[in-house]
All heavy atoms as atom14 arrays in JSON, in Angstrom:
{
  "sequence": "YPAFPYDAKGLLATAINDPNPVLFFEHKALYRSIRQEVPTDYYT",
  "atom14_mask": [
    [1, 1, 1, 1, 1, 1, 1, 1, 1, 1, 1, 1, 0, 0],
    [1, 1, 1, 1, 1, 1, 1, 0, 0, 0, 0, 0, 0, 0],
    [1, 1, 1, 1, 1, 0, 0, 0, 0, 0, 0, 0, 0, 0],
    [1, 1, 1, 1, 1, 1, 1, 1, 1, 1, 1, 0, 0, 0],
    [1, 1, 1, 1, 1, 1, 1, 0, 0, 0, 0, 0, 0, 0],
    [1, 1, 1, 1, 1, 1, 1, 1, 1, 1, 1, 1, 0, 0],
    [1, 1, 1, 1, 1, 1, 1, 1, 0, 0, 0, 0, 0, 0],
    [1, 1, 1, 1, 1, 0, 0, 0, 0, 0, 0, 0, 0, 0],
    [1, 1, 1, 1, 1, 1, 1, 1, 1, 0, 0, 0, 0, 0],
    [1, 1, 1, 1, 0, 0, 0, 0, 0, 0, 0, 0, 0, 0],
    [1, 1, 1, 1, 1, 1, 1, 1, 0, 0, 0, 0, 0, 0],
    [1, 1, 1, 1, 1, 1, 1, 1, 0, 0, 0, 0, 0, 0],
    [1, 1, 1, 1, 1, 0, 0, 0, 0, 0, 0, 0, 0, 0],
    [1, 1, 1, 1, 1, 1, 1, 0, 0, 0, 0, 0, 0, 0],
    [1, 1, 1, 1, 1, 0, 0, 0, 0, 0, 0, 0, 0, 0],
    [1, 1, 1, 1, 1, 1, 1, 1, 0, 0, 0, 0, 0, 0],
    [1, 1, 1, 1, 1, 1, 1, 1, 0, 0, 0, 0, 0, 0],
    [1, 1, 1, 1, 1, 1, 1, 1, 0, 0, 0, 0, 0, 0],
    [1, 1, 1, 1, 1, 1, 1, 0, 0, 0, 0, 0, 0, 0],
    [1, 1, 1, 1, 1, 1, 1, 1, 0, 0, 0, 0, 0, 0],
    [1, 1, 1, 1, 1, 1, 1, 0, 0, 0, 0, 0, 0, 0],
    [1, 1, 1, 1, 1, 1, 1, 0, 0, 0, 0, 0, 0, 0],
    [1, 1, 1, 1, 1, 1, 1, 1, 0, 0, 0, 0, 0, 0],
    [1, 1, 1, 1, 1, 1, 1, 1, 1, 1, 1, 0, 0, 0],
    [1, 1, 1, 1, 1, 1, 1, 1, 1, 1, 1, 0, 0, 0],
    [1, 1, 1, 1, 1, 1, 1, 1, 1, 0, 0, 0, 0, 0],
    [1, 1, 1, 1, 1, 1, 1, 1, 1, 1, 0, 0, 0, 0],
    [1, 1, 1, 1, 1, 1, 1, 1, 1, 0, 0, 0, 0, 0],
    [1, 1, 1, 1, 1, 0, 0, 0, 0, 0, 0, 0, 0, 0],
    [1, 1, 1, 1, 1, 1, 1, 1, 0, 0, 0, 0, 0, 0],
    [1, 1, 1, 1, 1, 1, 1, 1, 1, 1, 1, 1, 0, 0],
    [1, 1, 1, 1, 1, 1, 1, 1, 1, 1, 1, 0, 0, 0],
    [1, 1, 1, 1, 1, 1, 0, 0, 0, 0, 0, 0, 0, 0],
    [1, 1, 1, 1, 1, 1, 1, 1, 0, 0, 0, 0, 0, 0],
    [1, 1, 1, 1, 1, 1, 1, 1, 1, 1, 1, 0, 0, 0],
    [1, 1, 1, 1, 1, 1, 1, 1, 1, 0, 0, 0, 0, 0],
    [1, 1, 1, 1, 1, 1, 1, 1, 1, 0, 0, 0, 0, 0],
    [1, 1, 1, 1, 1, 1, 1, 0, 0, 0, 0, 0, 0, 0],
    [1, 1, 1, 1, 1, 1, 1, 0, 0, 0, 0, 0, 0, 0],
    [1, 1, 1, 1, 1, 1, 1, 0, 0, 0, 0, 0, 0, 0],
    [1, 1, 1, 1, 1, 1, 1, 1, 0, 0, 0, 0, 0, 0],
    [1, 1, 1, 1, 1, 1, 1, 1, 1, 1, 1, 1, 0, 0],
    [1, 1, 1, 1, 1, 1, 1, 1, 1, 1, 1, 1, 0, 0],
    [1, 1, 1, 1, 1, 1, 1, 0, 0, 0, 0, 0, 0, 0]
  ],
  "atom14_positions": [
    [[1.96, -2.45, -10.49], [3.35, -1.93, -10.88], [3.15, -0.73, -11.97], [3.2, -1.01, -13.15], [4.2, -2.96, -11.37], [5.67, -2.69, -11.41], [6.56, -3.87, -11.18], [6.17, -1.55, -11.65], [7.92, -3.61, -11.17], [7.57, -1.43, -11.62], [8.46, -2.4, -11.33], [9.89, -2.24, -11.37], [0.0, 0.0, 0.0], [0.0, 0.0, 0.0]],
    [[2.71, 0.37, -11.58], [2.43, 1.43, -12.52], [3.58, 2.04, -13.18], [4.67, 2.08, -12.62], [1.71, 2.51, -11.68], [2.3, 2.3, -10.31], [2.46, 0.83, -10.16], [0.0, 0.0, 0.0], [0.0, 0.0, 0.0], [0.0, 0.0, 0.0], [0.0, 0.0, 0.0], [0.0, 0.0, 0.0], [0.0, 0.0, 0.0], [0.0, 0.0, 0.0]],
    [[3.57, 2.51, -14.37], [4.53, 3.28, -15.18], [4.25, 4.65, -15.48], [5.24, 5.39, -15.73], [4.66, 2.56, -16.51], [0.0, 0.0, 0.0], [0.0, 0.0, 0.0], [0.0, 0.0, 0.0], [0.0, 0.0, 0.0], [0.0, 0.0, 0.0], [0.0, 0.0, 0.0], [0.0, 0.0, 0.0], [0.0, 0.0, 0.0], [0.0, 0.0, 0.0]],
    [[3.15, 5.26, -15.06], [2.73, 6.64, -15.27], [2.08, 7.2, -14.14], [1.48, 6.62, -13.34], [1.78, 6.74, -16.57], [2.46, 6.25, -17.72], [2.3, 4.95, -18.13], [3.15, 7.14, -18.54], [3.01, 4.53, -19.38], [3.66, 6.73, -19.86], [3.59, 5.46, -20.21], [0.0, 0.0, 0.0], [0.0, 0.0, 0.0], [0.0, 0.0, 0.0]],
    [[2.37, 8.57, -14.0], [1.73, 9.23, -12.75], [0.23, 9.16, -12.67], [-0.24, 8.87, -11.55], [2.1, 10.74, -13.01], [3.28, 10.64, -13.75], [3.23, 9.5, -14.79], [0.0, 0.0, 0.0], [0.0, 0.0, 0.0], [0.0, 0.0, 0.0], [0.0, 0.0, 0.0], [0.0, 0.0, 0.0], [0.0, 0.0, 0.0], [0.0, 0.0, 0.0]],
    [[-0.49, 9.13, -13.7], [-1.96, 9.06, -13.8], [-2.31, 7.64, -13.22], [-3.26, 7.5, -12.26], [-2.58, 9.15, -15.15], [-4.02, 8.71, -15.35], [-4.92, 9.66, -14.82], [-4.45, 7.45, -15.8], [-6.28, 9.3, -15.02], [-5.74, 7.06, -15.85], [-6.66, 8.1, -15.57], [-8.02, 7.81, -15.66], [0.0, 0.0, 0.0], [0.0, 0.0, 0.0]],
    [[-1.68, 6.56, -13.59], [-1.97, 5.2, -13.14], [-1.53, 4.97, -11.66], [-2.19, 4.42, -10.89], [-1.16, 4.24, -14.01], [-1.9, 4.09, -15.47], [-2.89, 4.52, -15.63], [-1.02, 3.82, -16.34], [0.0, 0.0, 0.0], [0.0, 0.0, 0.0], [0.0, 0.0, 0.0], [0.0, 0.0, 0.0], [0.0, 0.0, 0.0], [0.0, 0.0, 0.0]],
    [[-0.39, 5.63, -11.45], [0.04, 5.44, -10.02], [-0.89, 6.11, -8.87], [-1.08, 5.45, -7.89], [1.51, 6.24, -9.84], [0.0, 0.0, 0.0], [0.0, 0.0, 0.0], [0.0, 0.0, 0.0], [0.0, 0.0, 0.0], [0.0, 0.0, 0.0], [0.0, 0.0, 0.0], [0.0, 0.0, 0.0], [0.0, 0.0, 0.0], [0.0, 0.0, 0.0]],
    [[-1.46, 7.26, -9.24], [-2.32, 7.94, -8.29], [-3.62, 7.04, -8.07], [-3.95, 6.86, -7.09], [-2.63, 9.25, -8.66], [-3.52, 10.0, -7.8], [-3.68, 11.52, -8.09], [-4.65, 12.22, -7.06], [-4.9, 13.57, -7.39], [0.0, 0.0, 0.0], [0.0, 0.0, 0.0], [0.0, 0.0, 0.0], [0.0, 0.0, 0.0], [0.0, 0.0, 0.0]],
    [[-4.22, 6.72, -9.21], [-5.48, 6.02, -9.14], [-5.34, 4.58, -8.63], [-6.22, 4.23, -7.86], [0.0, 0.0, 0.0], [0.0, 0.0, 0.0], [0.0, 0.0, 0.0], [0.0, 0.0, 0.0], [0.0, 0.0, 0.0], [0.0, 0.0, 0.0], [0.0, 0.0, 0.0], [0.0, 0.0, 0.0], [0.0, 0.0, 0.0], [0.0, 0.0, 0.0]],
    [[-4.26, 3.95, -9.03], [-4.12, 2.5, -8.48], [-3.72, 2.6, -7.03], [-4.09, 1.5, -6.25], [-3.09, 1.87, -9.32], [-3.56, 1.51, -10.76], [-2.22, 0.98, -11.59], [-4.55, 0.37, -10.75], [0.0, 0.0, 0.0], [0.0, 0.0, 0.0], [0.0, 0.0, 0.0], [0.0, 0.0, 0.0], [0.0, 0.0, 0.0], [0.0, 0.0, 0.0]],
    [[-3.0, 3.48, -6.61], [-2.64, 3.54, -5.14], [-3.95, 3.76, -4.3], [-4.04, 3.05, -3.21], [-1.6, 4.52, -4.8], [-1.16, 4.68, -3.36], [-0.65, 3.29, -2.76], [-0.09, 5.73, -3.16], [0.0, 0.0, 0.0], [0.0, 0.0, 0.0], [0.0, 0.0, 0.0], [0.0, 0.0, 0.0], [0.0, 0.0, 0.0], [0.0, 0.0, 0.0]],
    [[-4.73, 4.59, -4.74], [-6.02, 4.84, -4.05], [-6.84, 3.4, -4.05], [-7.42, 3.14, -2.88], [-6.83, 5.84, -4.7], [0.0, 0.0, 0.0], [0.0, 0.0, 0.0], [0.0, 0.0, 0.0], [0.0, 0.0, 0.0], [0.0, 0.0, 0.0], [0.0, 0.0, 0.0], [0.0, 0.0, 0.0], [0.0, 0.0, 0.0], [0.0, 0.0, 0.0]],
    [[-6.94, 2.75, -5.09], [-7.61, 1.42, -5.09], [-6.86, 0.47, -4.1], [-7.63, -0.29, -3.4], [-7.64, 0.88, -6.58], [-8.36, 1.83, -7.32], [-8.35, -0.45, -6.58], [0.0, 0.0, 0.0], [0.0, 0.0, 0.0], [0.0, 0.0, 0.0], [0.0, 0.0, 0.0], [0.0, 0.0, 0.0], [0.0, 0.0, 0.0], [0.0, 0.0, 0.0]],
    [[-5.64, 0.37, -4.07], [-4.9, -0.44, -3.22], [-5.21, -0.32, -1.84], [-5.31, -1.17, -1.04], [-3.34, -0.3, -3.58], [0.0, 0.0, 0.0], [0.0, 0.0, 0.0], [0.0, 0.0, 0.0], [0.0, 0.0, 0.0], [0.0, 0.0, 0.0], [0.0, 0.0, 0.0], [0.0, 0.0, 0.0], [0.0, 0.0, 0.0], [0.0, 0.0, 0.0]],
    [[-5.34, 1.03, -1.44], [-5.62, 1.34, -0.06], [-7.1, 1.03, 0.22], [-7.44, 0.59, 1.45], [-5.32, 2.92, 0.22], [-3.84, 3.04, 0.15], [-5.87, 3.27, 1.58], [-3.38, 4.51, 0.15], [0.0, 0.0, 0.0], [0.0, 0.0, 0.0], [0.0, 0.0, 0.0], [0.0, 0.0, 0.0], [0.0, 0.0, 0.0], [0.0, 0.0, 0.0]],
    [[-7.94, 1.14, -0.7], [-9.33, 0.75, -0.44], [-9.56, -0.76, -0.4], [-10.37, -1.28, 0.29], [-10.23, 1.32, -1.54], [-10.42, 2.79, -1.57], [-10.24, 3.37, -0.6], [-10.73, 3.36, -2.86], [0.0, 0.0, 0.0], [0.0, 0.0, 0.0], [0.0, 0.0, 0.0], [0.0, 0.0, 0.0], [0.0, 0.0, 0.0], [0.0, 0.0, 0.0]],
    [[-8.77, -1.49, -1.15], [-8.87, -3.0, -1.19], [-8.44, -3.61, 0.18], [-7.48, -3.18, 0.77], [-7.76, -3.46, -2.32], [-8.04, -4.9, -2.64], [-8.25, -5.77, -1.76], [-8.13, -5.23, -3.86], [0.0, 0.0, 0.0], [0.0, 0.0, 0.0], [0.0, 0.0, 0.0], [0.0, 0.0, 0.0], [0.0, 0.0, 0.0], [0.0, 0.0, 0.0]],
    [[-9.3, -4.36, 0.76], [-9.01, -5.03, 2.02], [-8.04, -6.21, 2.04], [-7.73, -6.7, 3.13], [-10.37, -5.67, 2.55], [-11.04, -5.93, 1.17], [-10.63, -4.88, 0.24], [0.0, 0.0, 0.0], [0.0, 0.0, 0.0], [0.0, 0.0, 0.0], [0.0, 0.0, 0.0], [0.0, 0.0, 0.0], [0.0, 0.0, 0.0], [0.0, 0.0, 0.0]],
    [[-7.32, -6.43, 0.88], [-6.32, -7.58, 0.75], [-4.94, -6.89, 0.66], [-4.77, -5.66, 0.4], [-6.71, -8.31, -0.45], [-8.0, -8.95, -0.47], [-8.11, -9.97, 0.42], [-9.09, -8.49, -1.01], [0.0, 0.0, 0.0], [0.0, 0.0, 0.0], [0.0, 0.0, 0.0], [0.0, 0.0, 0.0], [0.0, 0.0, 0.0], [0.0, 0.0, 0.0]],
    [[-3.9, -7.8, 0.95], [-2.66, -7.32, 0.97], [-2.07, -6.95, -0.47], [-2.27, -7.72, -1.34], [-1.81, -8.39, 1.51], [-2.55, -9.56, 1.27], [-4.11, -9.18, 1.47], [0.0, 0.0, 0.0], [0.0, 0.0, 0.0], [0.0, 0.0, 0.0], [0.0, 0.0, 0.0], [0.0, 0.0, 0.0], [0.0, 0.0, 0.0], [0.0, 0.0, 0.0]],
    [[-1.55, -5.83, -0.68], [-1.08, -5.34, -2.05], [0.38, -4.86, -1.84], [0.66, -3.97, -1.03], [-2.02, -4.02, -2.49], [-1.55, -3.6, -3.88], [-3.45, -4.5, -2.51], [0.0, 0.0, 0.0], [0.0, 0.0, 0.0], [0.0, 0.0, 0.0], [0.0, 0.0, 0.0], [0.0, 0.0, 0.0], [0.0, 0.0, 0.0], [0.0, 0.0, 0.0]],
    [[1.2, -5.35, -2.82], [2.52, -4.83, -2.99], [2.54, -3.93, -4.07], [2.22, -4.23, -5.25], [3.38, -6.0, -3.22], [3.72, -6.83, -2.01], [2.91, -7.99, -2.02], [5.19, -7.25, -1.97], [0.0, 0.0, 0.0], [0.0, 0.0, 0.0], [0.0, 0.0, 0.0], [0.0, 0.0, 0.0], [0.0, 0.0, 0.0], [0.0, 0.0, 0.0]],
    [[2.81, -2.66, -3.87], [2.76, -1.54, -4.75], [4.15, -1.05, -5.17], [4.9, -0.37, -4.35], [1.9, -0.44, -4.17], [1.46, 0.72, -5.1], [0.21, 0.55, -5.69], [2.25, 1.73, -5.42], [-0.2, 1.3, -6.55], [1.77, 2.81, -6.32], [0.52, 2.63, -6.91], [0.0, 0.0, 0.0], [0.0, 0.0, 0.0], [0.0, 0.0, 0.0]],
    [[4.59, -1.45, -6.35], [5.89, -1.28, -6.73], [5.93, 0.15, -7.49], [5.18, 0.51, -8.39], [6.27, -2.3, -7.79], [6.74, -3.5, -7.04], [5.67, -4.55, -6.77], [8.05, -3.77, -6.68], [6.02, -5.69, -6.19], [8.32, -4.94, -6.1], [7.49, -5.96, -5.72], [0.0, 0.0, 0.0], [0.0, 0.0, 0.0], [0.0, 0.0, 0.0]],
    [[6.92, 0.9, -7.08], [7.17, 2.28, -7.6], [8.63, 2.4, -8.11], [9.38, 2.39, -7.34], [6.93, 3.28, -6.48], [5.56, 3.17, -5.77], [5.6, 3.97, -4.6], [6.48, 4.84, -4.18], [4.44, 3.82, -3.7], [0.0, 0.0, 0.0], [0.0, 0.0, 0.0], [0.0, 0.0, 0.0], [0.0, 0.0, 0.0], [0.0, 0.0, 0.0]],
    [[8.72, 2.5, -9.36], [10.26, 2.62, -9.86], [10.75, 4.0, -9.5], [10.29, 4.98, -10.0], [10.12, 2.31, -11.31], [11.46, 1.83, -12.0], [12.53, 2.75, -12.02], [11.9, 0.59, -12.35], [13.56, 1.97, -12.38], [13.16, 0.68, -12.72], [0.0, 0.0, 0.0], [0.0, 0.0, 0.0], [0.0, 0.0, 0.0], [0.0, 0.0, 0.0]],
    [[11.92, 3.81, -8.86], [12.66, 5.05, -8.52], [13.11, 5.95, -9.59], [13.11, 7.17, -9.55], [13.79, 4.58, -7.58], [13.54, 3.87, -6.37], [14.74, 3.57, -5.6], [16.0, 2.86, -6.27], [15.63, 1.46, -6.7], [0.0, 0.0, 0.0], [0.0, 0.0, 0.0], [0.0, 0.0, 0.0], [0.0, 0.0, 0.0], [0.0, 0.0, 0.0]],
    [[13.33, 5.34, -10.69], [13.99, 6.15, -11.86], [12.92, 6.92, -12.4], [13.13, 7.9, -13.18], [14.64, 5.28, -12.89], [0.0, 0.0, 0.0], [0.0, 0.0, 0.0], [0.0, 0.0, 0.0], [0.0, 0.0, 0.0], [0.0, 0.0, 0.0], [0.0, 0.0, 0.0], [0.0, 0.0, 0.0], [0.0, 0.0, 0.0], [0.0, 0.0, 0.0]],
    [[11.61, 6.61, -12.19], [10.39, 7.27, -12.69], [9.98, 8.48, -11.86], [9.29, 9.35, -12.32], [9.26, 6.3, -12.97], [9.49, 5.21, -13.86], [8.15, 4.32, -14.05], [9.95, 5.55, -15.22], [0.0, 0.0, 0.0], [0.0, 0.0, 0.0], [0.0, 0.0, 0.0], [0.0, 0.0, 0.0], [0.0, 0.0, 0.0], [0.0, 0.0, 0.0]],
    [[10.44, 8.49, -10.57], [9.92, 9.37, -9.68], [9.95, 10.85, -10.21], [8.95, 11.6, -10.04], [10.64, 9.31, -8.32], [10.12, 8.31, -7.34], [11.02, 7.72, -6.42], [8.85, 7.9, -7.27], [10.55, 6.78, -5.44], [8.41, 7.01, -6.39], [9.21, 6.32, -5.48], [8.8, 5.5, -4.55], [0.0, 0.0, 0.0], [0.0, 0.0, 0.0]],
    [[11.02, 11.19, -10.54], [11.29, 12.58, -11.02], [11.53, 12.95, -12.49], [11.97, 13.88, -12.78], [12.35, 13.38, -10.05], [11.84, 13.53, -8.68], [12.99, 13.89, -7.72], [12.35, 14.17, -6.37], [12.0, 13.42, -5.49], [12.16, 11.97, -5.77], [11.43, 13.77, -4.29], [0.0, 0.0, 0.0], [0.0, 0.0, 0.0], [0.0, 0.0, 0.0]],
    [[11.36, 11.73, -13.34], [11.77, 11.91, -14.66], [10.51, 11.83, -15.62], [10.53, 12.17, -16.89], [12.55, 10.7, -15.12], [12.01, 9.46, -14.94], [0.0, 0.0, 0.0], [0.0, 0.0, 0.0], [0.0, 0.0, 0.0], [0.0, 0.0, 0.0], [0.0, 0.0, 0.0], [0.0, 0.0, 0.0], [0.0, 0.0, 0.0], [0.0, 0.0, 0.0]],
    [[9.22, 11.38, -15.04], [8.18, 11.22, -15.82], [7.03, 12.23, -15.36], [6.8, 12.27, -14.09], [7.52, 9.85, -15.75], [8.66, 8.84, -16.37], [6.26, 9.61, -16.51], [8.91, 8.98, -17.8], [0.0, 0.0, 0.0], [0.0, 0.0, 0.0], [0.0, 0.0, 0.0], [0.0, 0.0, 0.0], [0.0, 0.0, 0.0], [0.0, 0.0, 0.0]],
    [[6.46, 13.0, -16.14], [5.41, 13.92, -15.87], [4.18, 13.63, -16.72], [4.31, 12.92, -17.86], [5.95, 15.37, -16.11], [7.1, 15.68, -15.34], [7.33, 17.26, -15.64], [6.31, 18.08, -14.83], [6.51, 18.57, -13.7], [7.71, 18.47, -13.08], [5.79, 19.42, -13.08], [0.0, 0.0, 0.0], [0.0, 0.0, 0.0], [0.0, 0.0, 0.0]],
    [[3.11, 14.01, -16.19], [1.85, 13.65, -16.89], [0.7, 14.58, -16.37], [0.73, 15.06, -15.17], [1.48, 12.2, -16.66], [0.46, 11.76, -17.79], [0.11, 10.23, -17.55], [0.28, 9.62, -16.4], [-0.31, 9.47, -18.57], [0.0, 0.0, 0.0], [0.0, 0.0, 0.0], [0.0, 0.0, 0.0], [0.0, 0.0, 0.0], [0.0, 0.0, 0.0]],
    [[-0.35, 14.8, -17.23], [-1.43, 15.53, -16.66], [-2.28, 14.44, -15.76], [-2.64, 13.52, -16.26], [-2.46, 16.0, -17.89], [-1.81, 17.12, -18.66], [-1.84, 18.35, -17.56], [-2.85, 18.58, -16.98], [-0.93, 19.22, -17.81], [0.0, 0.0, 0.0], [0.0, 0.0, 0.0], [0.0, 0.0, 0.0], [0.0, 0.0, 0.0], [0.0, 0.0, 0.0]],
    [[-2.55, 14.87, -14.56], [-3.11, 13.97, -13.64], [-4.22, 14.71, -13.01], [-4.11, 15.91, -12.6], [-2.16, 13.55, -12.63], [-2.73, 12.62, -11.46], [-1.0, 12.7, -13.2], [0.0, 0.0, 0.0], [0.0, 0.0, 0.0], [0.0, 0.0, 0.0], [0.0, 0.0, 0.0], [0.0, 0.0, 0.0], [0.0, 0.0, 0.0], [0.0, 0.0, 0.0]],
    [[-5.51, 14.17, -12.83], [-6.6, 14.72, -12.02], [-6.17, 15.13, -10.64], [-5.55, 14.41, -9.96], [-7.63, 13.7, -11.99], [-7.38, 12.81, -13.24], [-5.84, 12.82, -13.28], [0.0, 0.0, 0.0], [0.0, 0.0, 0.0], [0.0, 0.0, 0.0], [0.0, 0.0, 0.0], [0.0, 0.0, 0.0], [0.0, 0.0, 0.0], [0.0, 0.0, 0.0]],
    [[-6.47, 16.39, -10.39], [-6.11, 16.9, -8.95], [-6.94, 16.26, -7.75], [-6.48, 16.17, -6.65], [-6.18, 18.35, -8.95], [-7.57, 18.84, -9.14], [-5.11, 19.11, -9.86], [0.0, 0.0, 0.0], [0.0, 0.0, 0.0], [0.0, 0.0, 0.0], [0.0, 0.0, 0.0], [0.0, 0.0, 0.0], [0.0, 0.0, 0.0], [0.0, 0.0, 0.0]],
    [[-8.14, 15.97, -8.13], [-9.03, 15.36, -7.01], [-8.81, 13.72, -6.97], [-8.14, 13.31, -7.82], [-10.5, 15.68, -7.44], [-10.9, 17.09, -7.29], [-10.21, 17.87, -6.47], [-11.85, 17.51, -7.91], [0.0, 0.0, 0.0], [0.0, 0.0, 0.0], [0.0, 0.0, 0.0], [0.0, 0.0, 0.0], [0.0, 0.0, 0.0], [0.0, 0.0, 0.0]],
    [[-9.28, 13.2, -5.8], [-9.23, 11.83, -5.72], [-9.91, 11.01, -6.7], [-11.1, 11.4, -7.09], [-9.87, 11.51, -4.23], [-9.78, 10.2, -3.77], [-8.77, 9.57, -3.07], [-10.92, 9.22, -4.12], [-8.78, 8.21, -2.63], [-10.9, 7.93, -3.69], [-9.81, 7.41, -3.03], [-9.89, 6.05, -2.61], [0.0, 0.0, 0.0], [0.0, 0.0, 0.0]],
    [[-9.42, 9.88, -7.16], [-10.01, 9.04, -8.15], [-9.45, 7.67, -7.92], [-8.32, 7.57, -7.33], [-9.8, 9.53, -9.61], [-8.52, 9.54, -10.12], [-7.88, 8.43, -10.84], [-7.63, 10.59, -9.88], [-6.6, 8.52, -11.3], [-6.33, 10.67, -10.31], [-5.79, 9.6, -11.0], [-4.54, 9.6, -11.48], [0.0, 0.0, 0.0], [0.0, 0.0, 0.0]],
    [[-10.12, 6.6, -8.48], [-9.72, 5.28, -8.48], [-9.57, 4.72, -9.89], [-10.19, 5.09, -10.77], [-10.57, 4.36, -7.59], [-11.77, 4.27, -8.22], [-10.66, 4.84, -6.22], [0.0, 0.0, 0.0], [0.0, 0.0, 0.0], [0.0, 0.0, 0.0], [0.0, 0.0, 0.0], [0.0, 0.0, 0.0], [0.0, 0.0, 0.0], [0.0, 0.0, 0.0]]
  ]
}
């Protein structure tokens, strides 16, 4: 359950790599209200 763009991007990549079931919560109110400097390349 990430709260920031930086965390959301890296944690979603890890969730997809993880071979186990992951529920990835994304708060709708944060979608277009929160901005952050985020690496452009792939990271976990």
